[in-house]
Amino acid sequence: KAYNPLGGWWDANKDKYAWLIFLIVAVIFVMLAMTFESLRLPLAVIFMIPISFIGLFLTFGLTDLSFDHGGFAAFVMLCGIVVNAGIYIVLTYKDVIQHNPEQTGIRGYVKAFGRKINPIMLTVISTVLGLIPFLTDGPQEVFWFDFAIGTIGGMVFSVIAVILVLPVFVLKSIKRKNEYNV
């Protein structure tokens, strides 16, 4: 560990973890680009990840808890869960507009959202409830407490991402695609 003049001690290995997060996001982008057969729709899903990270940062920032290895593990967990929610909705939306071409735009998105919001919310709720036992030991259990509190904060903000961020980018992307295909 080396002294950081901006405050506290900085572990040089944390830089390695940051690059791993970027690598995970890059791999997710490539997989989604192949799945969606698009370069714009994966970006819509990827843009949800930083929104969930805001929840994680706010959780640690507002509570003065230490951000340790558990916080980095929460990053990875959030990437997977948030992307999963985005995949549910985007694939269902593509299916809706493929089988009902008259239901493009907001009407089709609302139909897809209605079909997938229950599994998404059940995933969020079950994840949050499953992590509550790790909060009982308090901050003394550094890894698991940080992991649980960071993931819970991020999951709350992932709901905001699913409801507010994803539709903006998906509808814009699909609209542009339809304009080019005319």
N, C-alpha and C. Protein backbone atom coordinates (compact mmCIF):
# COMPACT_ATOMS: atom_id res chain seq x y z
N LYS A 1 0.84 -1.19 0.00
CA LYS A 1 0.00 0.00 0.00
C LYS A 1 0.88 1.24 0.00
N ALA A 2 0.41 2.25 -0.68
CA ALA A 2 1.16 3.50 -0.76
C ALA A 2 0.28 4.63 -0.24
N TYR A 3 0.93 5.65 0.31
CA TYR A 3 0.18 6.78 0.83
C TYR A 3 -0.37 7.61 -0.32
N ASN A 4 -1.62 7.96 -0.23
CA ASN A 4 -2.28 8.80 -1.22
C ASN A 4 -2.43 10.19 -0.62
N PRO A 5 -1.79 11.24 -1.21
CA PRO A 5 -1.86 12.58 -0.62
C PRO A 5 -3.26 13.16 -0.62
N LEU A 6 -4.16 12.61 -1.43
CA LEU A 6 -5.54 13.11 -1.44
C LEU A 6 -6.35 12.56 -0.28
N GLY A 7 -5.80 11.66 0.44
CA GLY A 7 -6.49 11.15 1.62
C GLY A 7 -6.50 9.64 1.65
N GLY A 8 -6.08 9.10 2.75
CA GLY A 8 -6.17 7.66 2.97
C GLY A 8 -5.06 6.88 2.29
N TRP A 9 -5.24 5.60 2.26
CA TRP A 9 -4.28 4.68 1.67
C TRP A 9 -4.91 4.05 0.44
N TRP A 10 -4.13 3.91 -0.59
CA TRP A 10 -4.64 3.36 -1.85
C TRP A 10 -3.90 2.07 -2.15
N ASP A 11 -4.63 1.04 -2.38
CA ASP A 11 -4.06 -0.24 -2.75
C ASP A 11 -3.87 -0.25 -4.27
N ALA A 12 -2.65 -0.50 -4.71
CA ALA A 12 -2.35 -0.47 -6.14
C ALA A 12 -3.14 -1.51 -6.92
N ASN A 13 -3.60 -2.57 -6.26
CA ASN A 13 -4.38 -3.60 -6.94
C ASN A 13 -5.77 -3.11 -7.35
N LYS A 14 -6.25 -2.02 -6.77
CA LYS A 14 -7.58 -1.53 -7.12
C LYS A 14 -7.64 -1.06 -8.57
N ASP A 15 -6.52 -0.60 -9.12
CA ASP A 15 -6.48 -0.25 -10.55
C ASP A 15 -6.79 -1.47 -11.40
N LYS A 16 -6.28 -2.62 -10.99
CA LYS A 16 -6.53 -3.86 -11.72
C LYS A 16 -8.01 -4.20 -11.71
N TYR A 17 -8.69 -3.97 -10.60
CA TYR A 17 -10.12 -4.25 -10.51
C TYR A 17 -10.92 -3.33 -11.42
N ALA A 18 -10.52 -2.08 -11.53
CA ALA A 18 -11.22 -1.15 -12.41
C ALA A 18 -11.13 -1.62 -13.85
N TRP A 19 -9.96 -2.08 -14.27
CA TRP A 19 -9.83 -2.58 -15.64
C TRP A 19 -10.65 -3.85 -15.86
N LEU A 20 -10.78 -4.66 -14.84
CA LEU A 20 -11.61 -5.86 -14.97
C LEU A 20 -13.09 -5.49 -15.18
N ILE A 21 -13.55 -4.44 -14.52
CA ILE A 21 -14.93 -3.98 -14.72
C ILE A 21 -15.11 -3.53 -16.18
N PHE A 22 -14.15 -2.79 -16.71
CA PHE A 22 -14.24 -2.36 -18.11
C PHE A 22 -14.20 -3.55 -19.06
N LEU A 23 -13.41 -4.55 -18.73
CA LEU A 23 -13.35 -5.76 -19.56
C LEU A 23 -14.69 -6.49 -19.54
N ILE A 24 -15.30 -6.58 -18.38
CA ILE A 24 -16.61 -7.22 -18.27
C ILE A 24 -17.63 -6.49 -19.12
N VAL A 25 -17.64 -5.16 -19.06
CA VAL A 25 -18.59 -4.38 -19.85
C VAL A 25 -18.33 -4.58 -21.34
N ALA A 26 -17.07 -4.65 -21.75
CA ALA A 26 -16.74 -4.87 -23.16
C ALA A 26 -17.22 -6.24 -23.64
N VAL A 27 -17.01 -7.26 -22.83
CA VAL A 27 -17.48 -8.61 -23.19
C VAL A 27 -19.00 -8.63 -23.27
N ILE A 28 -19.66 -7.97 -22.34
CA ILE A 28 -21.13 -7.90 -22.37
C ILE A 28 -21.59 -7.21 -23.65
N PHE A 29 -20.92 -6.11 -24.03
CA PHE A 29 -21.29 -5.39 -25.26
C PHE A 29 -21.18 -6.30 -26.48
N VAL A 30 -20.08 -7.04 -26.60
CA VAL A 30 -19.89 -7.92 -27.76
C VAL A 30 -20.97 -9.00 -27.79
N MET A 31 -21.25 -9.61 -26.65
CA MET A 31 -22.28 -10.65 -26.61
C MET A 31 -23.65 -10.09 -26.99
N LEU A 32 -23.97 -8.89 -26.48
CA LEU A 32 -25.26 -8.29 -26.80
C LEU A 32 -25.34 -7.87 -28.26
N ALA A 33 -24.25 -7.38 -28.81
CA ALA A 33 -24.24 -6.99 -30.22
C ALA A 33 -24.54 -8.20 -31.10
N MET A 34 -23.99 -9.35 -30.75
CA MET A 34 -24.29 -10.56 -31.51
C MET A 34 -25.73 -11.02 -31.29
N THR A 35 -26.21 -10.91 -30.08
CA THR A 35 -27.57 -11.35 -29.77
C THR A 35 -28.61 -10.45 -30.42
N PHE A 36 -28.44 -9.14 -30.30
CA PHE A 36 -29.42 -8.19 -30.81
C PHE A 36 -29.22 -7.89 -32.29
N GLU A 37 -28.09 -8.30 -32.86
CA GLU A 37 -27.74 -8.00 -34.25
C GLU A 37 -27.81 -6.49 -34.49
N SER A 38 -27.23 -5.77 -33.56
CA SER A 38 -27.26 -4.31 -33.59
C SER A 38 -26.09 -3.81 -32.76
N LEU A 39 -25.64 -2.58 -33.06
CA LEU A 39 -24.62 -1.96 -32.22
C LEU A 39 -25.24 -0.92 -31.29
N ARG A 40 -26.45 -0.48 -31.60
CA ARG A 40 -27.09 0.54 -30.77
C ARG A 40 -27.86 -0.05 -29.59
N LEU A 41 -28.55 -1.15 -29.80
CA LEU A 41 -29.32 -1.74 -28.70
C LEU A 41 -28.43 -2.20 -27.54
N PRO A 42 -27.25 -2.77 -27.81
CA PRO A 42 -26.38 -3.10 -26.67
C PRO A 42 -25.98 -1.87 -25.86
N LEU A 43 -25.81 -0.74 -26.54
CA LEU A 43 -25.49 0.49 -25.81
C LEU A 43 -26.63 0.89 -24.88
N ALA A 44 -27.87 0.67 -25.31
CA ALA A 44 -29.01 0.98 -24.46
C ALA A 44 -28.94 0.18 -23.16
N VAL A 45 -28.57 -1.09 -23.28
CA VAL A 45 -28.46 -1.95 -22.10
C VAL A 45 -27.22 -1.56 -21.28
N ILE A 46 -26.12 -1.27 -21.94
CA ILE A 46 -24.89 -0.90 -21.24
C ILE A 46 -25.07 0.39 -20.46
N PHE A 47 -25.86 1.34 -20.98
CA PHE A 47 -26.07 2.61 -20.28
C PHE A 47 -26.81 2.43 -18.97
N MET A 48 -27.43 1.28 -18.78
CA MET A 48 -28.11 1.01 -17.51
C MET A 48 -27.09 0.71 -16.40
N ILE A 49 -25.94 0.19 -16.76
CA ILE A 49 -24.94 -0.19 -15.76
C ILE A 49 -24.46 1.00 -14.94
N PRO A 50 -24.07 2.13 -15.55
CA PRO A 50 -23.63 3.25 -14.73
C PRO A 50 -24.72 3.80 -13.81
N ILE A 51 -25.97 3.68 -14.21
CA ILE A 51 -27.06 4.15 -13.34
C ILE A 51 -27.09 3.30 -12.07
N SER A 52 -26.93 2.00 -12.22
CA SER A 52 -26.89 1.15 -11.02
C SER A 52 -25.65 1.44 -10.18
N PHE A 53 -24.54 1.79 -10.84
CA PHE A 53 -23.33 2.15 -10.10
C PHE A 53 -23.53 3.42 -9.28
N ILE A 54 -24.37 4.32 -9.76
CA ILE A 54 -24.68 5.54 -8.99
C ILE A 54 -25.27 5.15 -7.64
N GLY A 55 -26.17 4.17 -7.65
CA GLY A 55 -26.75 3.70 -6.39
C GLY A 55 -25.70 3.14 -5.46
N LEU A 56 -24.74 2.40 -6.02
CA LEU A 56 -23.66 1.85 -5.20
C LEU A 56 -22.80 2.97 -4.63
N PHE A 57 -22.43 3.96 -5.46
CA PHE A 57 -21.61 5.07 -4.98
C PHE A 57 -22.34 5.88 -3.91
N LEU A 58 -23.62 6.14 -4.13
CA LEU A 58 -24.38 6.90 -3.14
C LEU A 58 -24.48 6.16 -1.82
N THR A 59 -24.64 4.85 -1.90
CA THR A 59 -24.74 4.05 -0.68
C THR A 59 -23.47 4.20 0.16
N PHE A 60 -22.32 4.07 -0.48
CA PHE A 60 -21.07 4.20 0.26
C PHE A 60 -20.78 5.64 0.63
N GLY A 61 -21.12 6.56 -0.23
CA GLY A 61 -20.83 7.97 0.03
C GLY A 61 -21.67 8.57 1.13
N LEU A 62 -22.93 8.20 1.18
CA LEU A 62 -23.84 8.78 2.18
C LEU A 62 -23.72 8.12 3.55
N THR A 63 -23.16 6.91 3.59
CA THR A 63 -23.09 6.20 4.87
C THR A 63 -21.69 6.18 5.47
N ASP A 64 -20.70 6.70 4.78
CA ASP A 64 -19.31 6.71 5.25
C ASP A 64 -18.78 5.30 5.54
N LEU A 65 -19.29 4.31 4.82
CA LEU A 65 -18.77 2.95 4.95
C LEU A 65 -17.52 2.82 4.10
N SER A 66 -16.67 1.88 4.45
CA SER A 66 -15.45 1.66 3.68
C SER A 66 -15.79 0.91 2.40
N PHE A 67 -15.16 1.32 1.32
CA PHE A 67 -15.34 0.65 0.03
C PHE A 67 -14.16 -0.29 -0.14
N ASP A 68 -14.43 -1.59 -0.11
CA ASP A 68 -13.35 -2.57 -0.15
C ASP A 68 -13.64 -3.58 -1.25
N HIS A 69 -13.10 -4.77 -1.13
CA HIS A 69 -13.27 -5.82 -2.13
C HIS A 69 -14.73 -6.17 -2.34
N GLY A 70 -15.52 -6.11 -1.31
CA GLY A 70 -16.95 -6.38 -1.44
C GLY A 70 -17.64 -5.38 -2.35
N GLY A 71 -17.19 -4.14 -2.32
CA GLY A 71 -17.73 -3.13 -3.22
C GLY A 71 -17.42 -3.44 -4.67
N PHE A 72 -16.20 -3.90 -4.94
CA PHE A 72 -15.85 -4.29 -6.30
C PHE A 72 -16.65 -5.51 -6.75
N ALA A 73 -16.87 -6.45 -5.85
CA ALA A 73 -17.69 -7.61 -6.19
C ALA A 73 -19.13 -7.18 -6.48
N ALA A 74 -19.60 -6.17 -5.78
CA ALA A 74 -20.95 -5.64 -6.05
C ALA A 74 -21.03 -5.05 -7.45
N PHE A 75 -19.93 -4.43 -7.93
CA PHE A 75 -19.90 -3.93 -9.30
C PHE A 75 -20.19 -5.05 -10.30
N VAL A 76 -19.50 -6.17 -10.11
CA VAL A 76 -19.66 -7.30 -11.03
C VAL A 76 -21.08 -7.85 -10.95
N MET A 77 -21.59 -7.99 -9.75
CA MET A 77 -22.95 -8.49 -9.57
C MET A 77 -23.96 -7.58 -10.25
N LEU A 78 -23.80 -6.28 -10.07
CA LEU A 78 -24.73 -5.32 -10.68
C LEU A 78 -24.66 -5.37 -12.20
N CYS A 79 -23.47 -5.51 -12.75
CA CYS A 79 -23.35 -5.61 -14.21
C CYS A 79 -24.22 -6.75 -14.73
N GLY A 80 -24.13 -7.89 -14.10
CA GLY A 80 -24.89 -9.05 -14.56
C GLY A 80 -26.38 -8.90 -14.40
N ILE A 81 -26.83 -8.45 -13.26
CA ILE A 81 -28.27 -8.37 -13.00
C ILE A 81 -28.93 -7.28 -13.83
N VAL A 82 -28.29 -6.12 -13.93
CA VAL A 82 -28.87 -5.02 -14.70
C VAL A 82 -28.92 -5.37 -16.18
N VAL A 83 -27.87 -5.97 -16.69
CA VAL A 83 -27.86 -6.38 -18.09
C VAL A 83 -28.94 -7.43 -18.35
N ASN A 84 -29.12 -8.33 -17.42
CA ASN A 84 -30.15 -9.35 -17.57
C ASN A 84 -31.53 -8.71 -17.72
N ALA A 85 -31.82 -7.71 -16.91
CA ALA A 85 -33.12 -7.02 -17.00
C ALA A 85 -33.26 -6.34 -18.36
N GLY A 86 -32.19 -5.70 -18.83
CA GLY A 86 -32.24 -5.05 -20.13
C GLY A 86 -32.44 -6.04 -21.26
N ILE A 87 -31.79 -7.19 -21.18
CA ILE A 87 -31.94 -8.22 -22.21
C ILE A 87 -33.39 -8.70 -22.26
N TYR A 88 -33.99 -8.95 -21.11
CA TYR A 88 -35.40 -9.36 -21.07
C TYR A 88 -36.28 -8.41 -21.86
N ILE A 89 -36.15 -7.14 -21.56
CA ILE A 89 -37.05 -6.17 -22.16
C ILE A 89 -36.75 -5.96 -23.65
N VAL A 90 -35.48 -5.84 -24.02
CA VAL A 90 -35.13 -5.59 -25.42
C VAL A 90 -35.54 -6.77 -26.30
N LEU A 91 -35.25 -7.98 -25.87
CA LEU A 91 -35.64 -9.14 -26.68
C LEU A 91 -37.16 -9.27 -26.79
N THR A 92 -37.85 -8.99 -25.72
CA THR A 92 -39.31 -9.05 -25.77
C THR A 92 -39.86 -7.95 -26.67
N TYR A 93 -39.27 -6.77 -26.62
CA TYR A 93 -39.70 -5.67 -27.49
C TYR A 93 -39.46 -6.02 -28.96
N LYS A 94 -38.30 -6.57 -29.26
CA LYS A 94 -38.03 -6.98 -30.64
C LYS A 94 -39.03 -8.04 -31.10
N ASP A 95 -39.40 -8.96 -30.20
CA ASP A 95 -40.38 -9.99 -30.53
C ASP A 95 -41.76 -9.37 -30.77
N VAL A 96 -42.14 -8.41 -29.94
CA VAL A 96 -43.44 -7.75 -30.10
C VAL A 96 -43.52 -7.04 -31.45
N ILE A 97 -42.49 -6.27 -31.80
CA ILE A 97 -42.58 -5.53 -33.06
C ILE A 97 -42.39 -6.43 -34.28
N GLN A 98 -41.75 -7.58 -34.09
CA GLN A 98 -41.61 -8.52 -35.20
C GLN A 98 -42.95 -9.19 -35.51
N HIS A 99 -43.69 -9.56 -34.48
CA HIS A 99 -44.96 -10.25 -34.69
C HIS A 99 -46.14 -9.29 -34.87
N ASN A 100 -45.99 -8.05 -34.43
CA ASN A 100 -47.03 -7.03 -34.59
C ASN A 100 -46.39 -5.74 -35.09
N PRO A 101 -46.11 -5.64 -36.39
CA PRO A 101 -45.41 -4.45 -36.91
C PRO A 101 -46.14 -3.14 -36.64
N GLU A 102 -47.43 -3.19 -36.41
CA GLU A 102 -48.18 -1.97 -36.10
C GLU A 102 -47.95 -1.49 -34.67
N GLN A 103 -47.31 -2.31 -33.85
CA GLN A 103 -47.07 -1.94 -32.45
C GLN A 103 -45.63 -1.50 -32.22
N THR A 104 -45.10 -0.72 -33.12
CA THR A 104 -43.76 -0.18 -32.89
C THR A 104 -43.87 1.03 -31.98
N GLY A 105 -42.75 1.48 -31.53
CA GLY A 105 -42.74 2.68 -30.69
C GLY A 105 -43.17 2.40 -29.26
N ILE A 106 -43.77 3.40 -28.68
CA ILE A 106 -44.11 3.34 -27.25
C ILE A 106 -45.11 2.23 -26.96
N ARG A 107 -46.09 2.05 -27.82
CA ARG A 107 -47.11 1.01 -27.58
C ARG A 107 -46.47 -0.38 -27.48
N GLY A 108 -45.56 -0.70 -28.38
CA GLY A 108 -44.88 -1.99 -28.34
C GLY A 108 -43.97 -2.12 -27.14
N TYR A 109 -43.30 -1.02 -26.80
CA TYR A 109 -42.41 -1.07 -25.64
C TYR A 109 -43.20 -1.29 -24.36
N VAL A 110 -44.33 -0.62 -24.23
CA VAL A 110 -45.15 -0.79 -23.03
C VAL A 110 -45.64 -2.24 -22.93
N LYS A 111 -45.99 -2.83 -24.07
CA LYS A 111 -46.42 -4.24 -24.06
C LYS A 111 -45.27 -5.15 -23.62
N ALA A 112 -44.07 -4.92 -24.15
CA ALA A 112 -42.90 -5.72 -23.76
C ALA A 112 -42.56 -5.49 -22.29
N PHE A 113 -42.63 -4.24 -21.85
CA PHE A 113 -42.34 -3.90 -20.46
C PHE A 113 -43.32 -4.62 -19.53
N GLY A 114 -44.60 -4.62 -19.91
CA GLY A 114 -45.61 -5.30 -19.10
C GLY A 114 -45.38 -6.79 -18.99
N ARG A 115 -44.86 -7.37 -20.04
CA ARG A 115 -44.59 -8.82 -20.02
C ARG A 115 -43.40 -9.18 -19.13
N LYS A 116 -42.41 -8.30 -19.04
CA LYS A 116 -41.16 -8.66 -18.35
C LYS A 116 -40.92 -7.95 -17.03
N ILE A 117 -41.76 -7.00 -16.66
CA ILE A 117 -41.48 -6.28 -15.41
C ILE A 117 -41.63 -7.18 -14.19
N ASN A 118 -42.55 -8.14 -14.23
CA ASN A 118 -42.70 -9.05 -13.07
C ASN A 118 -41.44 -9.87 -12.82
N PRO A 119 -40.87 -10.56 -13.83
CA PRO A 119 -39.63 -11.30 -13.54
C PRO A 119 -38.48 -10.38 -13.13
N ILE A 120 -38.43 -9.18 -13.70
CA ILE A 120 -37.36 -8.25 -13.34
C ILE A 120 -37.51 -7.82 -11.88
N MET A 121 -38.70 -7.44 -11.48
CA MET A 121 -38.92 -7.01 -10.10
C MET A 121 -38.72 -8.17 -9.12
N LEU A 122 -39.13 -9.37 -9.50
CA LEU A 122 -38.89 -10.53 -8.63
C LEU A 122 -37.39 -10.78 -8.46
N THR A 123 -36.62 -10.57 -9.51
CA THR A 123 -35.16 -10.72 -9.42
C THR A 123 -34.58 -9.68 -8.47
N VAL A 124 -35.01 -8.43 -8.62
CA VAL A 124 -34.51 -7.35 -7.76
C VAL A 124 -34.88 -7.62 -6.30
N ILE A 125 -36.14 -7.93 -6.06
CA ILE A 125 -36.61 -8.15 -4.68
C ILE A 125 -35.93 -9.36 -4.05
N SER A 126 -35.83 -10.46 -4.81
CA SER A 126 -35.20 -11.65 -4.23
C SER A 126 -33.71 -11.43 -3.98
N THR A 127 -33.05 -10.65 -4.83
CA THR A 127 -31.63 -10.35 -4.60
C THR A 127 -31.46 -9.51 -3.34
N VAL A 128 -32.27 -8.48 -3.21
CA VAL A 128 -32.19 -7.61 -2.02
C VAL A 128 -32.49 -8.42 -0.76
N LEU A 129 -33.56 -9.20 -0.78
CA LEU A 129 -33.90 -10.00 0.40
C LEU A 129 -32.84 -11.05 0.70
N GLY A 130 -32.23 -11.62 -0.35
CA GLY A 130 -31.19 -12.62 -0.14
C GLY A 130 -29.92 -12.04 0.46
N LEU A 131 -29.71 -10.75 0.28
CA LEU A 131 -28.49 -10.12 0.82
C LEU A 131 -28.68 -9.54 2.22
N ILE A 132 -29.90 -9.43 2.67
CA ILE A 132 -30.16 -8.85 4.00
C ILE A 132 -29.44 -9.62 5.12
N PRO A 133 -29.37 -10.96 5.10
CA PRO A 133 -28.65 -11.64 6.18
C PRO A 133 -27.18 -11.22 6.31
N PHE A 134 -26.57 -10.77 5.21
CA PHE A 134 -25.17 -10.33 5.28
C PHE A 134 -25.04 -8.98 5.98
N LEU A 135 -26.13 -8.28 6.16
CA LEU A 135 -26.09 -7.00 6.85
C LEU A 135 -26.13 -7.15 8.36
N THR A 136 -26.52 -8.33 8.85
CA THR A 136 -26.71 -8.51 10.29
C THR A 136 -25.40 -8.44 11.08
N ASP A 137 -24.29 -8.85 10.46
CA ASP A 137 -23.01 -8.79 11.17
C ASP A 137 -22.44 -7.39 11.22
N GLY A 138 -22.99 -6.50 10.41
CA GLY A 138 -22.54 -5.11 10.41
C GLY A 138 -21.22 -4.92 9.68
N PRO A 139 -20.69 -3.72 9.73
CA PRO A 139 -19.46 -3.40 9.00
C PRO A 139 -18.22 -4.17 9.46
N GLN A 140 -18.31 -4.89 10.58
CA GLN A 140 -17.16 -5.67 11.03
C GLN A 140 -16.85 -6.80 10.04
N GLU A 141 -17.86 -7.33 9.39
CA GLU A 141 -17.68 -8.36 8.36
C GLU A 141 -17.48 -7.63 7.03
N VAL A 142 -16.26 -7.20 6.77
CA VAL A 142 -15.97 -6.22 5.73
C VAL A 142 -16.45 -6.66 4.35
N PHE A 143 -16.01 -7.80 3.86
CA PHE A 143 -16.34 -8.17 2.48
C PHE A 143 -17.83 -8.32 2.28
N TRP A 144 -18.48 -9.17 3.07
CA TRP A 144 -19.88 -9.49 2.84
C TRP A 144 -20.79 -8.29 3.11
N PHE A 145 -20.47 -7.51 4.09
CA PHE A 145 -21.28 -6.33 4.38
C PHE A 145 -21.17 -5.33 3.22
N ASP A 146 -19.95 -5.05 2.77
CA ASP A 146 -19.76 -4.14 1.64
C ASP A 146 -20.44 -4.66 0.38
N PHE A 147 -20.31 -5.96 0.16
CA PHE A 147 -20.94 -6.57 -1.01
C PHE A 147 -22.46 -6.41 -0.95
N ALA A 148 -23.03 -6.71 0.19
CA ALA A 148 -24.49 -6.65 0.34
C ALA A 148 -25.00 -5.21 0.24
N ILE A 149 -24.40 -4.30 0.96
CA ILE A 149 -24.90 -2.93 0.97
C ILE A 149 -24.71 -2.27 -0.40
N GLY A 150 -23.60 -2.55 -1.06
CA GLY A 150 -23.37 -1.99 -2.40
C GLY A 150 -24.33 -2.55 -3.43
N THR A 151 -24.56 -3.85 -3.37
CA THR A 151 -25.48 -4.48 -4.32
C THR A 151 -26.91 -4.00 -4.10
N ILE A 152 -27.32 -3.88 -2.86
CA ILE A 152 -28.68 -3.41 -2.57
C ILE A 152 -28.87 -1.98 -3.07
N GLY A 153 -27.93 -1.11 -2.81
CA GLY A 153 -28.03 0.26 -3.31
C GLY A 153 -28.07 0.32 -4.82
N GLY A 154 -27.25 -0.49 -5.46
CA GLY A 154 -27.24 -0.54 -6.92
C GLY A 154 -28.51 -1.12 -7.50
N MET A 155 -29.08 -2.10 -6.82
CA MET A 155 -30.32 -2.71 -7.31
C MET A 155 -31.47 -1.72 -7.28
N VAL A 156 -31.51 -0.89 -6.26
CA VAL A 156 -32.57 0.13 -6.18
C VAL A 156 -32.46 1.06 -7.39
N PHE A 157 -31.26 1.48 -7.71
CA PHE A 157 -31.07 2.36 -8.86
C PHE A 157 -31.23 1.63 -10.18
N SER A 158 -31.05 0.32 -10.20
CA SER A 158 -31.27 -0.43 -11.43
C SER A 158 -32.74 -0.40 -11.84
N VAL A 159 -33.62 -0.32 -10.86
CA VAL A 159 -35.05 -0.19 -11.18
C VAL A 159 -35.30 1.14 -11.89
N ILE A 160 -34.64 2.19 -11.44
CA ILE A 160 -34.74 3.50 -12.11
C ILE A 160 -34.22 3.38 -13.54
N ALA A 161 -33.13 2.66 -13.71
CA ALA A 161 -32.56 2.49 -15.05
C ALA A 161 -33.51 1.74 -15.97
N VAL A 162 -34.15 0.71 -15.45
CA VAL A 162 -35.09 -0.08 -16.26
C VAL A 162 -36.30 0.75 -16.65
N ILE A 163 -36.78 1.55 -15.72
CA ILE A 163 -38.02 2.30 -15.98
C ILE A 163 -37.76 3.57 -16.79
N LEU A 164 -36.67 4.28 -16.53
CA LEU A 164 -36.47 5.59 -17.16
C LEU A 164 -35.41 5.62 -18.26
N VAL A 165 -34.31 4.92 -18.10
CA VAL A 165 -33.20 5.04 -19.04
C VAL A 165 -33.37 4.12 -20.24
N LEU A 166 -33.67 2.87 -20.01
CA LEU A 166 -33.76 1.90 -21.10
C LEU A 166 -34.78 2.29 -22.17
N PRO A 167 -35.99 2.71 -21.82
CA PRO A 167 -36.94 3.04 -22.89
C PRO A 167 -36.48 4.18 -23.79
N VAL A 168 -35.80 5.15 -23.23
CA VAL A 168 -35.34 6.28 -24.03
C VAL A 168 -34.39 5.80 -25.13
N PHE A 169 -33.41 4.98 -24.76
CA PHE A 169 -32.42 4.55 -25.74
C PHE A 169 -32.95 3.47 -26.67
N VAL A 170 -33.79 2.58 -26.17
CA VAL A 170 -34.33 1.51 -27.02
C VAL A 170 -35.26 2.10 -28.07
N LEU A 171 -36.16 2.97 -27.66
CA LEU A 171 -37.10 3.54 -28.62
C LEU A 171 -36.38 4.40 -29.64
N LYS A 172 -35.38 5.13 -29.24
CA LYS A 172 -34.61 5.96 -30.16
C LYS A 172 -33.86 5.08 -31.15
N SER A 173 -33.28 3.98 -30.67
CA SER A 173 -32.53 3.08 -31.52
C SER A 173 -33.43 2.39 -32.53
N ILE A 174 -34.57 1.89 -32.08
CA ILE A 174 -35.49 1.20 -32.97
C ILE A 174 -36.07 2.18 -34.00
N LYS A 175 -36.36 3.40 -33.56
CA LYS A 175 -36.90 4.40 -34.47
C LYS A 175 -35.90 4.69 -35.59
N ARG A 176 -34.63 4.88 -35.26
CA ARG A 176 -33.62 5.13 -36.28
C ARG A 176 -33.47 3.94 -37.21
N LYS A 177 -33.53 2.74 -36.69
CA LYS A 177 -33.39 1.55 -37.51
C LYS A 177 -34.54 1.48 -38.50
N ASN A 178 -35.77 1.75 -38.03
CA ASN A 178 -36.94 1.72 -38.92
C ASN A 178 -36.86 2.81 -39.98
N GLU A 179 -36.31 3.97 -39.64
CA GLU A 179 -36.17 5.05 -40.62
C GLU A 179 -35.21 4.64 -41.73
N TYR A 180 -34.16 3.91 -41.41
CA TYR A 180 -33.19 3.50 -42.41
C TYR A 180 -33.74 2.39 -43.28
N ASN A 181 -34.64 1.57 -42.76
CA ASN A 181 -35.18 0.44 -43.51
C ASN A 181 -36.31 0.84 -44.45
N VAL A 182 -36.81 2.05 -44.36
CA VAL A 182 -37.93 2.47 -45.20
C VAL A 182 -37.51 2.62 -46.63
